[in-house]
Amino acid sequence: MDKNRIIEKLSWIFQSPISAPQPITNEFKEEQYHFFENYVRFLQDNKFTTREILKKGEKATDESEIKVGDLTEDGLKFYLYGIRKWREKYDRAKDGMKAINDFAFIEKKLKEFRENQK
């Protein structure tokens, strides 16, 4: 797989009429930045990244992205297994910020993922 292939870029979410409310609100953008920061830091904290995607205290921007090469082999598997499920949970949630900050959900997915890797 091409290590330079972009898996996700925040500007894509903002440009998608399916993913983004029209017109796009600052609140929606701030939620997306916060969500990206949460799951990137989760991936980094669990050693699923090959580099530091976001430094401590660094904020996400429209240009923030994750490439295949930014993730370890297990990191890519977990992104597909857990992070996408977290995004699905967010997409269905009435309270987006609650879903974004639901680390119990992603911790449970991580536990399931690790159990399935044995």
Protein backbone atom coordinates (compact mmCIF):
# COMPACT_ATOMS: atom_id res chain seq x y z
CA MET A 1 0.00 0.00 0.00
CA ASP A 2 1.23 3.49 -0.86
CA LYS A 3 2.58 5.06 2.35
CA ASN A 4 1.80 8.56 1.00
CA ARG A 5 -1.87 7.75 0.44
CA ILE A 6 -3.99 10.07 2.57
CA ILE A 7 -6.51 8.22 4.74
CA GLU A 8 -8.18 11.29 6.15
CA LYS A 9 -7.84 15.04 5.76
CA LEU A 10 -10.05 17.44 7.67
CA SER A 11 -10.70 19.66 4.66
CA TRP A 12 -12.30 16.65 2.94
CA ILE A 13 -14.91 16.45 5.68
CA PHE A 14 -15.66 20.16 5.31
CA GLN A 15 -16.01 19.83 1.52
CA SER A 16 -18.34 16.84 1.63
CA PRO A 17 -22.05 17.63 1.36
CA ILE A 18 -22.70 14.22 2.95
CA SER A 19 -20.43 14.71 5.99
CA ALA A 20 -20.86 18.40 6.67
CA PRO A 21 -23.96 20.45 7.42
CA GLN A 22 -24.67 23.17 4.92
CA PRO A 23 -23.69 25.87 5.56
CA ILE A 24 -20.70 24.70 7.61
CA THR A 25 -20.74 26.25 11.07
CA ASN A 26 -17.76 27.18 13.21
CA GLU A 27 -19.18 24.82 15.84
CA PHE A 28 -19.04 21.90 13.39
CA LYS A 29 -15.46 22.77 12.39
CA GLU A 30 -14.38 23.04 16.03
CA GLU A 31 -15.94 19.63 16.76
CA GLN A 32 -14.03 18.09 13.85
CA TYR A 33 -10.74 19.64 14.96
CA HIS A 34 -11.30 18.41 18.51
CA PHE A 35 -12.25 14.91 17.33
CA PHE A 36 -9.16 14.68 15.10
CA GLU A 37 -6.97 15.80 18.00
CA ASN A 38 -8.56 13.20 20.29
CA TYR A 39 -8.14 10.22 18.02
CA VAL A 40 -4.68 11.19 16.77
CA ARG A 41 -3.46 11.53 20.34
CA PHE A 42 -5.13 8.20 21.19
CA LEU A 43 -3.30 6.55 18.29
CA GLN A 44 -0.01 8.18 19.32
CA ASP A 45 -0.44 7.26 23.00
CA ASN A 46 -1.04 3.62 22.05
CA LYS A 47 2.05 3.44 19.78
CA PHE A 48 0.00 3.08 16.59
CA THR A 49 1.85 5.87 14.76
CA THR A 50 5.23 5.95 13.04
CA ARG A 51 5.69 9.65 13.75
CA GLU A 52 4.26 12.39 15.92
CA ILE A 53 1.28 13.59 13.86
CA LEU A 54 0.29 16.25 16.40
CA LYS A 55 2.75 17.59 18.93
CA LYS A 56 1.61 18.18 22.51
CA GLY A 57 -0.66 21.22 22.54
CA GLU A 58 -0.77 21.45 18.74
CA LYS A 59 -4.21 22.12 17.29
CA ALA A 60 -5.69 20.52 14.18
CA THR A 61 -6.34 22.65 11.09
CA ASP A 62 -8.16 22.17 7.79
CA GLU A 63 -4.92 20.72 6.41
CA SER A 64 -4.45 18.14 9.20
CA GLU A 65 -4.24 14.67 7.73
CA ILE A 66 -3.26 11.07 8.33
CA LYS A 67 -1.39 9.08 5.71
CA VAL A 68 -0.97 5.30 5.51
CA GLY A 69 2.73 5.72 6.37
CA ASP A 70 1.87 7.66 9.54
CA LEU A 71 0.47 4.47 11.06
CA THR A 72 2.14 1.22 12.04
CA GLU A 73 0.72 -1.97 10.53
CA ASP A 74 -1.37 -2.50 13.68
CA GLY A 75 -2.18 1.21 13.71
CA LEU A 76 -3.77 1.00 10.29
CA LYS A 77 -5.72 -2.08 11.34
CA PHE A 78 -6.90 -0.33 14.51
CA TYR A 79 -7.80 2.83 12.59
CA LEU A 80 -10.06 0.75 10.37
CA TYR A 81 -11.40 -1.28 13.31
CA GLY A 82 -11.82 1.30 16.07
CA ILE A 83 -11.41 4.87 14.88
CA ARG A 84 -13.91 4.45 12.06
CA LYS A 85 -16.42 2.98 14.54
CA TRP A 86 -15.85 6.00 16.79
CA ARG A 87 -16.58 8.30 13.84
CA GLU A 88 -19.75 6.31 13.09
CA LYS A 89 -20.80 6.75 16.72
CA TYR A 90 -20.17 10.49 16.43
CA ASP A 91 -22.14 10.70 13.16
CA ARG A 92 -25.20 9.13 14.86
CA ALA A 93 -24.92 11.06 18.13
CA LYS A 94 -27.34 13.76 19.22
CA ASP A 95 -24.56 15.26 21.34
CA GLY A 96 -21.45 15.36 19.16
CA MET A 97 -19.08 16.60 21.85
CA LYS A 98 -20.15 13.80 24.18
CA ALA A 99 -19.36 11.21 21.48
CA ILE A 100 -16.04 12.90 20.64
CA ASN A 101 -14.97 12.73 24.29
CA ASP A 102 -16.21 9.16 24.85
CA PHE A 103 -12.86 7.55 25.53
CA ALA A 104 -14.60 4.60 27.24
CA PHE A 105 -15.95 3.64 23.80
CA ILE A 106 -12.55 3.70 22.08
CA GLU A 107 -10.84 2.00 25.04
CA LYS A 108 -13.38 -0.82 24.71
CA LYS A 109 -12.63 -1.06 20.97
CA LEU A 110 -8.89 -1.17 21.76
CA LYS A 111 -9.45 -4.00 24.24
CA GLU A 112 -11.50 -5.95 21.67
CA PHE A 113 -8.86 -5.29 19.01
CA ARG A 114 -6.02 -6.54 21.20
CA GLU A 115 -7.97 -9.63 22.24
CA ASN A 116 -8.63 -10.45 18.58
CA GLN A 117 -4.92 -10.06 17.73
CA LYS A 118 -3.90 -12.93 20.01
